Amino acid sequence: MNLASRLRIAREASGLTQSAVSRASRIAVPNLSNIENGNVDCRLSTLVRILEALELDVQLVPRTNRVSLEAAIALSAQGRARLVATGVAQSDPQERLDTKGRREVDVSVEQTLLNANV
């Protein structure tokens, strides 16, 4: 997944419209749309303004440490299998998110991922 797609997904997961990000970042909606669609390469200063509007930071992660979504799902399945083998009951992901939500923990990204795997 490229940076443009990640920006769009992060914006949508935050519940923000392009207009809201446009106002906060002082980047015109058509320009923001072009950036999110990968039609243009933006300058670093523009990216920083978008990230600030989304309340995100850049983190440099070595490629050797990256885990694909498929690998994360496989690891999760292995963990569930180990729990079953030891007799520990599995937890319900939606129940965990609901519990976090009651504690006012932002679960929007986790909820998006959970809904994508349903």
N, C-alpha and C. Protein backbone atom coordinates (compact mmCIF):
# COMPACT_ATOMS: atom_id res chain seq x y z
N MET A 1 0.85 -1.17 0.00
CA MET A 1 0.00 0.00 0.00
C MET A 1 0.90 1.24 0.00
N ASN A 2 0.59 2.18 -0.87
CA ASN A 2 1.43 3.37 -0.98
C ASN A 2 1.00 4.46 0.00
N LEU A 3 1.82 5.49 0.09
CA LEU A 3 1.57 6.58 1.04
C LEU A 3 0.25 7.28 0.75
N ALA A 4 -0.06 7.49 -0.52
CA ALA A 4 -1.30 8.18 -0.88
C ALA A 4 -2.51 7.43 -0.33
N SER A 5 -2.53 6.12 -0.52
CA SER A 5 -3.64 5.30 -0.02
C SER A 5 -3.70 5.34 1.51
N ARG A 6 -2.55 5.31 2.13
CA ARG A 6 -2.51 5.34 3.60
C ARG A 6 -3.06 6.66 4.14
N LEU A 7 -2.75 7.76 3.44
CA LEU A 7 -3.28 9.05 3.88
C LEU A 7 -4.81 9.06 3.80
N ARG A 8 -5.35 8.56 2.70
CA ARG A 8 -6.80 8.51 2.52
C ARG A 8 -7.43 7.64 3.61
N ILE A 9 -6.86 6.46 3.84
CA ILE A 9 -7.40 5.54 4.85
C ILE A 9 -7.33 6.17 6.24
N ALA A 10 -6.23 6.83 6.55
CA ALA A 10 -6.08 7.49 7.85
C ALA A 10 -7.12 8.59 8.01
N ARG A 11 -7.34 9.36 6.95
CA ARG A 11 -8.34 10.43 7.01
C ARG A 11 -9.72 9.85 7.25
N GLU A 12 -10.07 8.82 6.48
CA GLU A 12 -11.39 8.21 6.62
C GLU A 12 -11.56 7.57 8.00
N ALA A 13 -10.51 6.92 8.50
CA ALA A 13 -10.57 6.29 9.83
C ALA A 13 -10.75 7.32 10.93
N SER A 14 -10.25 8.54 10.69
CA SER A 14 -10.41 9.63 11.66
C SER A 14 -11.78 10.27 11.56
N GLY A 15 -12.55 9.89 10.55
CA GLY A 15 -13.87 10.47 10.37
C GLY A 15 -13.84 11.87 9.79
N LEU A 16 -12.72 12.23 9.16
CA LEU A 16 -12.57 13.57 8.59
C LEU A 16 -12.86 13.56 7.10
N THR A 17 -13.44 14.64 6.63
CA THR A 17 -13.65 14.81 5.20
C THR A 17 -12.43 15.50 4.61
N GLN A 18 -12.33 15.45 3.28
CA GLN A 18 -11.24 16.18 2.63
C GLN A 18 -11.37 17.67 2.92
N SER A 19 -12.60 18.17 3.03
CA SER A 19 -12.79 19.59 3.33
C SER A 19 -12.23 19.95 4.70
N ALA A 20 -12.45 19.07 5.68
CA ALA A 20 -11.93 19.34 7.03
C ALA A 20 -10.41 19.35 7.04
N VAL A 21 -9.81 18.37 6.36
CA VAL A 21 -8.34 18.32 6.29
C VAL A 21 -7.82 19.51 5.50
N SER A 22 -8.55 19.89 4.47
CA SER A 22 -8.17 21.04 3.66
C SER A 22 -8.11 22.31 4.51
N ARG A 23 -9.13 22.51 5.32
CA ARG A 23 -9.15 23.71 6.19
C ARG A 23 -8.00 23.68 7.19
N ALA A 24 -7.79 22.52 7.80
CA ALA A 24 -6.75 22.41 8.83
C ALA A 24 -5.34 22.52 8.27
N SER A 25 -5.15 22.04 7.05
CA SER A 25 -3.81 22.01 6.46
C SER A 25 -3.54 23.17 5.49
N ARG A 26 -4.60 23.92 5.15
CA ARG A 26 -4.50 25.01 4.18
C ARG A 26 -4.06 24.50 2.81
N ILE A 27 -4.56 23.31 2.45
CA ILE A 27 -4.31 22.71 1.14
C ILE A 27 -5.66 22.58 0.45
N ALA A 28 -5.77 23.08 -0.75
CA ALA A 28 -7.04 23.06 -1.48
C ALA A 28 -7.54 21.62 -1.64
N VAL A 29 -8.85 21.46 -1.58
CA VAL A 29 -9.46 20.13 -1.70
C VAL A 29 -9.02 19.42 -2.98
N PRO A 30 -9.02 20.09 -4.15
CA PRO A 30 -8.57 19.36 -5.35
C PRO A 30 -7.13 18.87 -5.24
N ASN A 31 -6.26 19.66 -4.62
CA ASN A 31 -4.87 19.24 -4.44
C ASN A 31 -4.79 18.05 -3.48
N LEU A 32 -5.55 18.12 -2.41
CA LEU A 32 -5.58 17.02 -1.44
C LEU A 32 -6.10 15.74 -2.11
N SER A 33 -7.13 15.89 -2.91
CA SER A 33 -7.68 14.74 -3.64
C SER A 33 -6.64 14.13 -4.57
N ASN A 34 -5.92 14.98 -5.29
CA ASN A 34 -4.87 14.48 -6.19
C ASN A 34 -3.77 13.76 -5.42
N ILE A 35 -3.43 14.26 -4.24
CA ILE A 35 -2.41 13.61 -3.42
C ILE A 35 -2.90 12.25 -2.95
N GLU A 36 -4.15 12.20 -2.43
CA GLU A 36 -4.70 10.94 -1.93
C GLU A 36 -4.88 9.90 -3.03
N ASN A 37 -5.13 10.34 -4.24
CA ASN A 37 -5.31 9.42 -5.35
C ASN A 37 -4.01 9.05 -6.03
N GLY A 38 -2.90 9.60 -5.55
CA GLY A 38 -1.59 9.28 -6.11
C GLY A 38 -1.34 9.91 -7.46
N ASN A 39 -2.10 10.95 -7.79
CA ASN A 39 -1.92 11.62 -9.08
C ASN A 39 -0.76 12.60 -9.10
N VAL A 40 -0.34 13.03 -7.91
CA VAL A 40 0.78 13.97 -7.81
C VAL A 40 1.67 13.57 -6.65
N ASP A 41 2.92 13.93 -6.74
CA ASP A 41 3.84 13.78 -5.61
C ASP A 41 3.85 15.09 -4.85
N CYS A 42 3.67 15.01 -3.56
CA CYS A 42 3.65 16.26 -2.79
C CYS A 42 5.01 16.52 -2.17
N ARG A 43 5.22 17.78 -1.88
CA ARG A 43 6.47 18.18 -1.21
C ARG A 43 6.41 17.73 0.25
N LEU A 44 7.56 17.62 0.85
CA LEU A 44 7.63 17.21 2.25
C LEU A 44 6.85 18.18 3.13
N SER A 45 6.97 19.47 2.87
CA SER A 45 6.25 20.45 3.69
C SER A 45 4.74 20.27 3.58
N THR A 46 4.25 19.88 2.40
CA THR A 46 2.82 19.62 2.21
C THR A 46 2.41 18.38 2.98
N LEU A 47 3.23 17.34 2.91
CA LEU A 47 2.95 16.11 3.65
C LEU A 47 2.88 16.39 5.15
N VAL A 48 3.80 17.19 5.65
CA VAL A 48 3.82 17.52 7.07
C VAL A 48 2.52 18.22 7.47
N ARG A 49 2.03 19.14 6.64
CA ARG A 49 0.78 19.84 6.94
C ARG A 49 -0.41 18.88 6.95
N ILE A 50 -0.43 17.93 6.03
CA ILE A 50 -1.50 16.93 6.02
C ILE A 50 -1.44 16.07 7.27
N LEU A 51 -0.24 15.62 7.62
CA LEU A 51 -0.07 14.78 8.81
C LEU A 51 -0.47 15.52 10.08
N GLU A 52 -0.14 16.80 10.16
CA GLU A 52 -0.54 17.58 11.33
C GLU A 52 -2.06 17.69 11.40
N ALA A 53 -2.71 17.88 10.24
CA ALA A 53 -4.18 17.96 10.22
C ALA A 53 -4.81 16.65 10.67
N LEU A 54 -4.15 15.53 10.35
CA LEU A 54 -4.65 14.21 10.73
C LEU A 54 -4.16 13.78 12.11
N GLU A 55 -3.35 14.62 12.74
CA GLU A 55 -2.74 14.32 14.05
C GLU A 55 -1.93 13.03 13.99
N LEU A 56 -1.09 12.93 12.94
CA LEU A 56 -0.22 11.78 12.74
C LEU A 56 1.23 12.22 12.72
N ASP A 57 2.12 11.30 13.02
CA ASP A 57 3.55 11.52 12.92
C ASP A 57 4.14 10.52 11.94
N VAL A 58 5.29 10.85 11.41
CA VAL A 58 6.02 9.92 10.55
C VAL A 58 6.94 9.10 11.44
N GLN A 59 6.97 7.81 11.17
CA GLN A 59 7.88 6.94 11.89
C GLN A 59 8.67 6.14 10.86
N LEU A 60 9.97 6.16 10.98
CA LEU A 60 10.81 5.41 10.07
C LEU A 60 11.00 4.01 10.63
N VAL A 61 10.59 3.02 9.86
CA VAL A 61 10.64 1.63 10.31
C VAL A 61 11.51 0.85 9.33
N PRO A 62 12.51 0.17 9.83
CA PRO A 62 13.33 -0.64 8.91
C PRO A 62 12.47 -1.67 8.19
N ARG A 63 12.71 -1.86 6.94
CA ARG A 63 11.90 -2.79 6.15
C ARG A 63 11.97 -4.21 6.68
N THR A 64 13.05 -4.58 7.32
CA THR A 64 13.16 -5.94 7.84
C THR A 64 12.19 -6.18 8.99
N ASN A 65 11.67 -5.11 9.61
CA ASN A 65 10.75 -5.24 10.73
C ASN A 65 9.29 -5.16 10.33
N ARG A 66 9.03 -4.91 9.05
CA ARG A 66 7.65 -4.77 8.60
C ARG A 66 6.96 -6.13 8.57
N VAL A 67 5.71 -6.12 8.95
CA VAL A 67 4.91 -7.34 8.92
C VAL A 67 3.70 -7.06 8.04
N SER A 68 3.45 -7.93 7.09
CA SER A 68 2.29 -7.74 6.22
C SER A 68 1.02 -8.06 6.99
N LEU A 69 -0.10 -7.59 6.47
CA LEU A 69 -1.38 -7.89 7.09
C LEU A 69 -1.61 -9.39 7.13
N GLU A 70 -1.24 -10.06 6.05
CA GLU A 70 -1.42 -11.51 5.99
C GLU A 70 -0.60 -12.21 7.07
N ALA A 71 0.63 -11.75 7.28
CA ALA A 71 1.48 -12.34 8.31
C ALA A 71 0.91 -12.08 9.70
N ALA A 72 0.37 -10.88 9.91
CA ALA A 72 -0.23 -10.56 11.21
C ALA A 72 -1.46 -11.43 11.47
N ILE A 73 -2.25 -11.67 10.44
CA ILE A 73 -3.42 -12.53 10.59
C ILE A 73 -2.99 -13.96 10.89
N ALA A 74 -1.93 -14.43 10.22
CA ALA A 74 -1.42 -15.78 10.46
C ALA A 74 -0.90 -15.91 11.90
N LEU A 75 -0.17 -14.90 12.37
CA LEU A 75 0.34 -14.92 13.75
C LEU A 75 -0.81 -14.93 14.74
N SER A 76 -1.85 -14.16 14.43
CA SER A 76 -3.03 -14.12 15.30
C SER A 76 -3.68 -15.50 15.37
N ALA A 77 -3.79 -16.16 14.22
CA ALA A 77 -4.39 -17.50 14.18
C ALA A 77 -3.56 -18.48 15.00
N GLN A 78 -2.23 -18.37 14.90
CA GLN A 78 -1.35 -19.25 15.69
C GLN A 78 -1.56 -19.00 17.18
N GLY A 79 -1.69 -17.74 17.55
CA GLY A 79 -1.92 -17.40 18.95
C GLY A 79 -3.24 -17.96 19.46
N ARG A 80 -4.29 -17.84 18.62
CA ARG A 80 -5.59 -18.41 19.02
C ARG A 80 -5.49 -19.92 19.19
N ALA A 81 -4.76 -20.58 18.29
CA ALA A 81 -4.60 -22.03 18.37
C ALA A 81 -3.88 -22.41 19.67
N ARG A 82 -2.87 -21.64 20.05
CA ARG A 82 -2.17 -21.92 21.31
C ARG A 82 -3.09 -21.73 22.51
N LEU A 83 -3.95 -20.71 22.46
CA LEU A 83 -4.90 -20.50 23.55
C LEU A 83 -5.85 -21.68 23.68
N VAL A 84 -6.37 -22.12 22.55
CA VAL A 84 -7.29 -23.27 22.55
C VAL A 84 -6.58 -24.50 23.10
N ALA A 85 -5.33 -24.72 22.69
CA ALA A 85 -4.57 -25.89 23.13
C ALA A 85 -4.34 -25.88 24.63
N THR A 86 -4.24 -24.68 25.22
CA THR A 86 -4.00 -24.59 26.67
C THR A 86 -5.29 -24.47 27.46
N GLY A 87 -6.43 -24.45 26.75
CA GLY A 87 -7.72 -24.39 27.44
C GLY A 87 -8.18 -22.99 27.79
N VAL A 88 -7.46 -21.97 27.32
CA VAL A 88 -7.87 -20.59 27.59
C VAL A 88 -8.89 -20.18 26.54
N ALA A 89 -10.00 -19.62 27.00
CA ALA A 89 -11.06 -19.23 26.07
C ALA A 89 -10.59 -18.05 25.20
N GLN A 90 -11.02 -18.08 23.94
CA GLN A 90 -10.72 -16.98 23.04
C GLN A 90 -11.59 -15.78 23.41
N SER A 91 -11.04 -14.60 23.16
CA SER A 91 -11.84 -13.41 23.41
C SER A 91 -12.46 -12.95 22.10
N ASP A 92 -13.54 -12.21 22.22
CA ASP A 92 -14.24 -11.68 21.06
C ASP A 92 -13.63 -10.33 20.71
N PRO A 93 -13.09 -10.17 19.48
CA PRO A 93 -12.46 -8.89 19.11
C PRO A 93 -13.40 -7.71 19.26
N GLN A 94 -14.66 -7.87 18.87
CA GLN A 94 -15.60 -6.75 18.98
C GLN A 94 -15.83 -6.40 20.45
N GLU A 95 -15.89 -7.42 21.30
CA GLU A 95 -16.07 -7.19 22.74
C GLU A 95 -14.89 -6.41 23.31
N ARG A 96 -13.66 -6.76 22.87
CA ARG A 96 -12.47 -6.02 23.32
C ARG A 96 -12.55 -4.57 22.88
N LEU A 97 -12.96 -4.34 21.62
CA LEU A 97 -13.05 -2.96 21.13
C LEU A 97 -14.13 -2.19 21.88
N ASP A 98 -15.24 -2.84 22.17
CA ASP A 98 -16.31 -2.18 22.92
C ASP A 98 -15.81 -1.78 24.31
N THR A 99 -15.04 -2.67 24.94
CA THR A 99 -14.48 -2.37 26.26
C THR A 99 -13.54 -1.18 26.19
N LYS A 100 -12.66 -1.17 25.18
CA LYS A 100 -11.76 -0.03 25.01
C LYS A 100 -12.55 1.25 24.77
N GLY A 101 -13.60 1.15 23.94
CA GLY A 101 -14.43 2.32 23.65
C GLY A 101 -15.08 2.89 24.89
N ARG A 102 -15.53 2.01 25.79
CA ARG A 102 -16.13 2.49 27.04
C ARG A 102 -15.11 3.22 27.90
N ARG A 103 -13.83 2.88 27.73
CA ARG A 103 -12.77 3.58 28.46
C ARG A 103 -12.28 4.80 27.68
N GLU A 104 -13.02 5.14 26.61
CA GLU A 104 -12.73 6.29 25.76
C GLU A 104 -11.38 6.19 25.06
N VAL A 105 -11.00 4.95 24.71
CA VAL A 105 -9.79 4.71 23.91
C VAL A 105 -10.20 4.75 22.45
N ASP A 106 -9.46 5.46 21.63
CA ASP A 106 -9.77 5.55 20.20
C ASP A 106 -9.51 4.19 19.55
N VAL A 107 -10.55 3.59 19.03
CA VAL A 107 -10.44 2.28 18.40
C VAL A 107 -10.82 2.34 16.92
N SER A 108 -10.83 3.53 16.33
CA SER A 108 -11.32 3.69 14.96
C SER A 108 -10.50 2.87 13.96
N VAL A 109 -9.18 2.86 14.11
CA VAL A 109 -8.35 2.10 13.16
C VAL A 109 -8.58 0.61 13.36
N GLU A 110 -8.61 0.16 14.62
CA GLU A 110 -8.84 -1.25 14.90
C GLU A 110 -10.22 -1.69 14.39
N GLN A 111 -11.22 -0.82 14.57
CA GLN A 111 -12.57 -1.15 14.11
C GLN A 111 -12.59 -1.27 12.58
N THR A 112 -11.88 -0.38 11.90
CA THR A 112 -11.80 -0.45 10.44
C THR A 112 -11.17 -1.76 9.99
N LEU A 113 -10.09 -2.15 10.66
CA LEU A 113 -9.42 -3.41 10.32
C LEU A 113 -10.31 -4.61 10.61
N LEU A 114 -11.02 -4.57 11.74
CA LEU A 114 -11.91 -5.67 12.09
C LEU A 114 -13.02 -5.79 11.06
N ASN A 115 -13.59 -4.67 10.65
CA ASN A 115 -14.68 -4.69 9.67
C ASN A 115 -14.18 -5.18 8.31
N ALA A 116 -12.92 -4.89 8.00
CA ALA A 116 -12.35 -5.32 6.72
C ALA A 116 -12.15 -6.83 6.67
N ASN A 117 -11.99 -7.46 7.83
CA ASN A 117 -11.75 -8.90 7.88
C ASN A 117 -13.01 -9.71 8.12
N VAL A 118 -14.15 -9.05 8.21
CA VAL A 118 -15.41 -9.76 8.48
C VAL A 118 -15.89 -10.45 7.23
